[in-house]
Amino acid sequence: MATNRFICEICNKGFQREQNLQLHRRGHNLPWKLKQRTNKDIIRKKVYICPEKTCVHHDPSRALGDLTGVKKHYSRKHGEKKWKCEKCSKKYAVQSDWKAHSKTCGTREYKCDCGTLFSRYVID
């Protein structure tokens, strides 16, 4: 009979397989595996900076998390806004932002104390 050989150091829950423990550890926001480092090891984390020199995210200390994040940031903040909402004419540089906006644009109505209904989109 197999025993729970792999024990979580946070909650002492036991697992028969190391992979199950590793998945469980993510729930505690711990890394998959603990790695022992010596003082001599230099930790180098890859940073993704915005190519726009005037942008605050061009500074490595304000870097973005991953390549996809940099691409979306650059499009949103510095790129051409190609997608336009048919209802309110708001423009978007990232297609997924435009799609998300289009699903809810004009659906939220606000009622004034006088009984008049208002919505967010502007009628030309």
C-alpha atoms as a PDB file:
ATOM      1  CA  MET A   1       0.000   0.000   0.000  1.00  0.00           C
ATOM      2  CA  ALA A   2       1.427   3.374  -1.050  1.00  0.00           C
ATOM      3  CA  THR A   3       1.897   6.069   1.556  1.00  0.00           C
ATOM      4  CA  ASN A   4       1.833   9.817   1.183  1.00  0.00           C
ATOM      5  CA  ARG A   5       5.555  10.286   0.694  1.00  0.00           C
ATOM      6  CA  PHE A   6       5.383  13.883  -0.539  1.00  0.00           C
ATOM      7  CA  ILE A   7       4.298  16.320   2.189  1.00  0.00           C
ATOM      8  CA  CYS A   8       3.401  19.991   1.769  1.00  0.00           C
ATOM      9  CA  GLU A   9       5.618  22.059   4.071  1.00  0.00           C
ATOM     10  CA  ILE A  10       2.849  24.645   4.547  1.00  0.00           C
ATOM     11  CA  CYS A  11      -0.241  22.578   5.460  1.00  0.00           C
ATOM     12  CA  ASN A  12       1.284  19.086   5.934  1.00  0.00           C
ATOM     13  CA  LYS A  13      -1.082  17.541   3.388  1.00  0.00           C
ATOM     14  CA  GLY A  14       0.383  14.341   1.923  1.00  0.00           C
ATOM     15  CA  PHE A  15       0.551  13.169  -1.690  1.00  0.00           C
ATOM     16  CA  GLN A  16       1.556   9.883  -3.299  1.00  0.00           C
ATOM     17  CA  ARG A  17       3.098  11.588  -6.340  1.00  0.00           C
ATOM     18  CA  GLU A  18       5.530  14.503  -6.473  1.00  0.00           C
ATOM     19  CA  GLN A  19       3.600  16.058  -9.389  1.00  0.00           C
ATOM     20  CA  ASN A  20       0.457  16.262  -7.261  1.00  0.00           C
ATOM     21  CA  LEU A  21       2.415  18.045  -4.531  1.00  0.00           C
ATOM     22  CA  GLN A  22       3.845  20.467  -7.067  1.00  0.00           C
ATOM     23  CA  LEU A  23       0.349  21.319  -8.347  1.00  0.00           C
ATOM     24  CA  HIS A  24      -0.879  21.691  -4.758  1.00  0.00           C
ATOM     25  CA  ARG A  25       1.985  24.074  -3.911  1.00  0.00           C
ATOM     26  CA  ARG A  26       0.756  26.503  -6.550  1.00  0.00           C
ATOM     27  CA  GLY A  27      -2.342  26.993  -4.378  1.00  0.00           C
ATOM     28  CA  HIS A  28      -0.048  28.417  -1.692  1.00  0.00           C
ATOM     29  CA  ASN A  29       1.613  30.679  -4.304  1.00  0.00           C
ATOM     30  CA  LEU A  30       4.850  28.764  -3.939  1.00  0.00           C
ATOM     31  CA  PRO A  31       7.170  27.905  -6.833  1.00  0.00           C
ATOM     32  CA  TRP A  32       6.779  24.465  -8.408  1.00  0.00           C
ATOM     33  CA  LYS A  33      10.040  23.291  -6.897  1.00  0.00           C
ATOM     34  CA  LEU A  34      12.309  24.881  -4.347  1.00  0.00           C
ATOM     35  CA  LYS A  35      15.761  25.463  -5.747  1.00  0.00           C
ATOM     36  CA  GLN A  36      18.743  25.875  -3.492  1.00  0.00           C
ATOM     37  CA  ARG A  37      20.841  28.896  -4.378  1.00  0.00           C
ATOM     38  CA  THR A  38      24.231  29.839  -3.110  1.00  0.00           C
ATOM     39  CA  ASN A  39      25.201  33.432  -2.430  1.00  0.00           C
ATOM     40  CA  LYS A  40      27.380  33.308  -5.545  1.00  0.00           C
ATOM     41  CA  ASP A  41      24.416  32.676  -7.872  1.00  0.00           C
ATOM     42  CA  ILE A  42      23.278  35.794  -9.681  1.00  0.00           C
ATOM     43  CA  ILE A  43      19.563  35.885 -10.271  1.00  0.00           C
ATOM     44  CA  ARG A  44      18.867  37.337 -13.706  1.00  0.00           C
ATOM     45  CA  LYS A  45      15.260  37.880 -14.596  1.00  0.00           C
ATOM     46  CA  LYS A  46      14.449  38.690 -18.193  1.00  0.00           C
ATOM     47  CA  VAL A  47      12.664  42.022 -18.458  1.00  0.00           C
ATOM     48  CA  TYR A  48      10.467  43.297 -21.253  1.00  0.00           C
ATOM     49  CA  ILE A  49      10.638  47.021 -21.842  1.00  0.00           C
ATOM     50  CA  CYS A  50       8.610  49.220 -24.146  1.00  0.00           C
ATOM     51  CA  PRO A  51      10.628  50.263 -27.220  1.00  0.00           C
ATOM     52  CA  GLU A  52       9.203  53.815 -27.021  1.00  0.00           C
ATOM     53  CA  LYS A  53      11.978  55.841 -25.349  1.00  0.00           C
ATOM     54  CA  THR A  54       9.589  58.396 -23.812  1.00  0.00           C
ATOM     55  CA  CYS A  55       7.390  55.717 -22.196  1.00  0.00           C
ATOM     56  CA  VAL A  56       7.630  55.021 -18.440  1.00  0.00           C
ATOM     57  CA  HIS A  57       7.811  51.294 -19.277  1.00  0.00           C
ATOM     58  CA  HIS A  58      11.054  51.839 -21.217  1.00  0.00           C
ATOM     59  CA  ASP A  59      12.825  51.923 -17.855  1.00  0.00           C
ATOM     60  CA  PRO A  60      13.850  48.367 -16.789  1.00  0.00           C
ATOM     61  CA  SER A  61      12.607  49.051 -13.256  1.00  0.00           C
ATOM     62  CA  ARG A  62       9.091  49.592 -14.710  1.00  0.00           C
ATOM     63  CA  ALA A  63       9.319  46.664 -17.151  1.00  0.00           C
ATOM     64  CA  LEU A  64       6.324  44.576 -18.198  1.00  0.00           C
ATOM     65  CA  GLY A  65       5.868  40.880 -17.407  1.00  0.00           C
ATOM     66  CA  ASP A  66       6.128  39.134 -20.766  1.00  0.00           C
ATOM     67  CA  LEU A  67       6.460  39.630 -24.501  1.00  0.00           C
ATOM     68  CA  THR A  68       2.700  39.468 -25.094  1.00  0.00           C
ATOM     69  CA  GLY A  69       2.202  42.138 -22.426  1.00  0.00           C
ATOM     70  CA  VAL A  70       4.714  44.433 -24.130  1.00  0.00           C
ATOM     71  CA  LYS A  71       3.052  43.949 -27.518  1.00  0.00           C
ATOM     72  CA  LYS A  72      -0.411  44.755 -26.163  1.00  0.00           C
ATOM     73  CA  HIS A  73       0.928  47.713 -24.161  1.00  0.00           C
ATOM     74  CA  TYR A  74       2.668  49.130 -27.213  1.00  0.00           C
ATOM     75  CA  SER A  75      -0.455  48.746 -29.352  1.00  0.00           C
ATOM     76  CA  ARG A  76      -2.737  50.262 -26.708  1.00  0.00           C
ATOM     77  CA  LYS A  77      -0.557  53.213 -25.788  1.00  0.00           C
ATOM     78  CA  HIS A  78       1.497  53.983 -28.897  1.00  0.00           C
ATOM     79  CA  GLY A  79      -0.164  52.183 -31.813  1.00  0.00           C
ATOM     80  CA  GLU A  80      -2.845  52.979 -34.352  1.00  0.00           C
ATOM     81  CA  LYS A  81      -6.407  52.412 -33.176  1.00  0.00           C
ATOM     82  CA  LYS A  82      -7.861  50.350 -36.024  1.00  0.00           C
ATOM     83  CA  TRP A  83     -11.084  49.014 -34.479  1.00  0.00           C
ATOM     84  CA  LYS A  84     -14.040  51.349 -33.904  1.00  0.00           C
ATOM     85  CA  CYS A  85     -17.238  50.664 -31.958  1.00  0.00           C
ATOM     86  CA  GLU A  86     -20.313  51.053 -34.173  1.00  0.00           C
ATOM     87  CA  LYS A  87     -22.436  52.364 -31.296  1.00  0.00           C
ATOM     88  CA  CYS A  88     -20.231  54.905 -29.503  1.00  0.00           C
ATOM     89  CA  SER A  89     -17.359  55.452 -31.992  1.00  0.00           C
ATOM     90  CA  LYS A  90     -14.713  54.629 -29.389  1.00  0.00           C
ATOM     91  CA  LYS A  91     -11.526  53.310 -31.036  1.00  0.00           C
ATOM     92  CA  TYR A  92      -9.271  50.442 -29.959  1.00  0.00           C
ATOM     93  CA  ALA A  93      -5.787  49.318 -30.951  1.00  0.00           C
ATOM     94  CA  VAL A  94      -6.196  45.737 -29.659  1.00  0.00           C
ATOM     95  CA  GLN A  95      -8.939  43.687 -31.291  1.00  0.00           C
ATOM     96  CA  SER A  96      -9.737  41.743 -28.105  1.00  0.00           C
ATOM     97  CA  ASP A  97     -10.370  45.040 -26.262  1.00  0.00           C
ATOM     98  CA  TRP A  98     -12.742  46.151 -29.025  1.00  0.00           C
ATOM     99  CA  LYS A  99     -14.615  42.822 -28.947  1.00  0.00           C
ATOM    100  CA  ALA A 100     -15.009  42.938 -25.160  1.00  0.00           C
ATOM    101  CA  HIS A 101     -16.265  46.525 -25.321  1.00  0.00           C
ATOM    102  CA  SER A 102     -18.686  45.771 -28.176  1.00  0.00           C
ATOM    103  CA  LYS A 103     -20.400  43.036 -26.149  1.00  0.00           C
ATOM    104  CA  THR A 104     -21.504  45.469 -23.439  1.00  0.00           C
ATOM    105  CA  CYS A 105     -21.583  48.870 -25.155  1.00  0.00           C
ATOM    106  CA  GLY A 106     -24.986  50.496 -24.724  1.00  0.00           C
ATOM    107  CA  THR A 107     -26.359  47.722 -22.541  1.00  0.00           C
ATOM    108  CA  ARG A 108     -25.842  49.504 -19.227  1.00  0.00           C
ATOM    109  CA  GLU A 109     -28.638  51.929 -18.605  1.00  0.00           C
ATOM    110  CA  TYR A 110     -28.794  54.481 -15.830  1.00  0.00           C
ATOM    111  CA  LYS A 111     -32.038  55.805 -14.443  1.00  0.00           C
ATOM    112  CA  CYS A 112     -32.245  59.405 -13.265  1.00  0.00           C
ATOM    113  CA  ASP A 113     -34.395  60.352 -10.269  1.00  0.00           C
ATOM    114  CA  CYS A 114     -36.793  61.981 -12.733  1.00  0.00           C
ATOM    115  CA  GLY A 115     -37.295  58.639 -14.513  1.00  0.00           C
ATOM    116  CA  THR A 116     -35.228  59.357 -17.657  1.00  0.00           C
ATOM    117  CA  LEU A 117     -33.058  56.438 -18.876  1.00  0.00           C
ATOM    118  CA  PHE A 118     -29.479  57.108 -20.002  1.00  0.00           C
ATOM    119  CA  SER A 119     -26.949  54.805 -21.610  1.00  0.00           C
ATOM    120  CA  ARG A 120     -23.205  55.178 -22.189  1.00  0.00           C
ATOM    121  CA  TYR A 121     -23.082  55.398 -25.961  1.00  0.00           C
ATOM    122  CA  VAL A 122     -23.345  58.692 -27.771  1.00  0.00           C
ATOM    123  CA  ILE A 123     -25.871  59.104 -30.560  1.00  0.00           C
ATOM    124  CA  ASP A 124     -24.592  61.169 -33.491  1.00  0.00           C
END
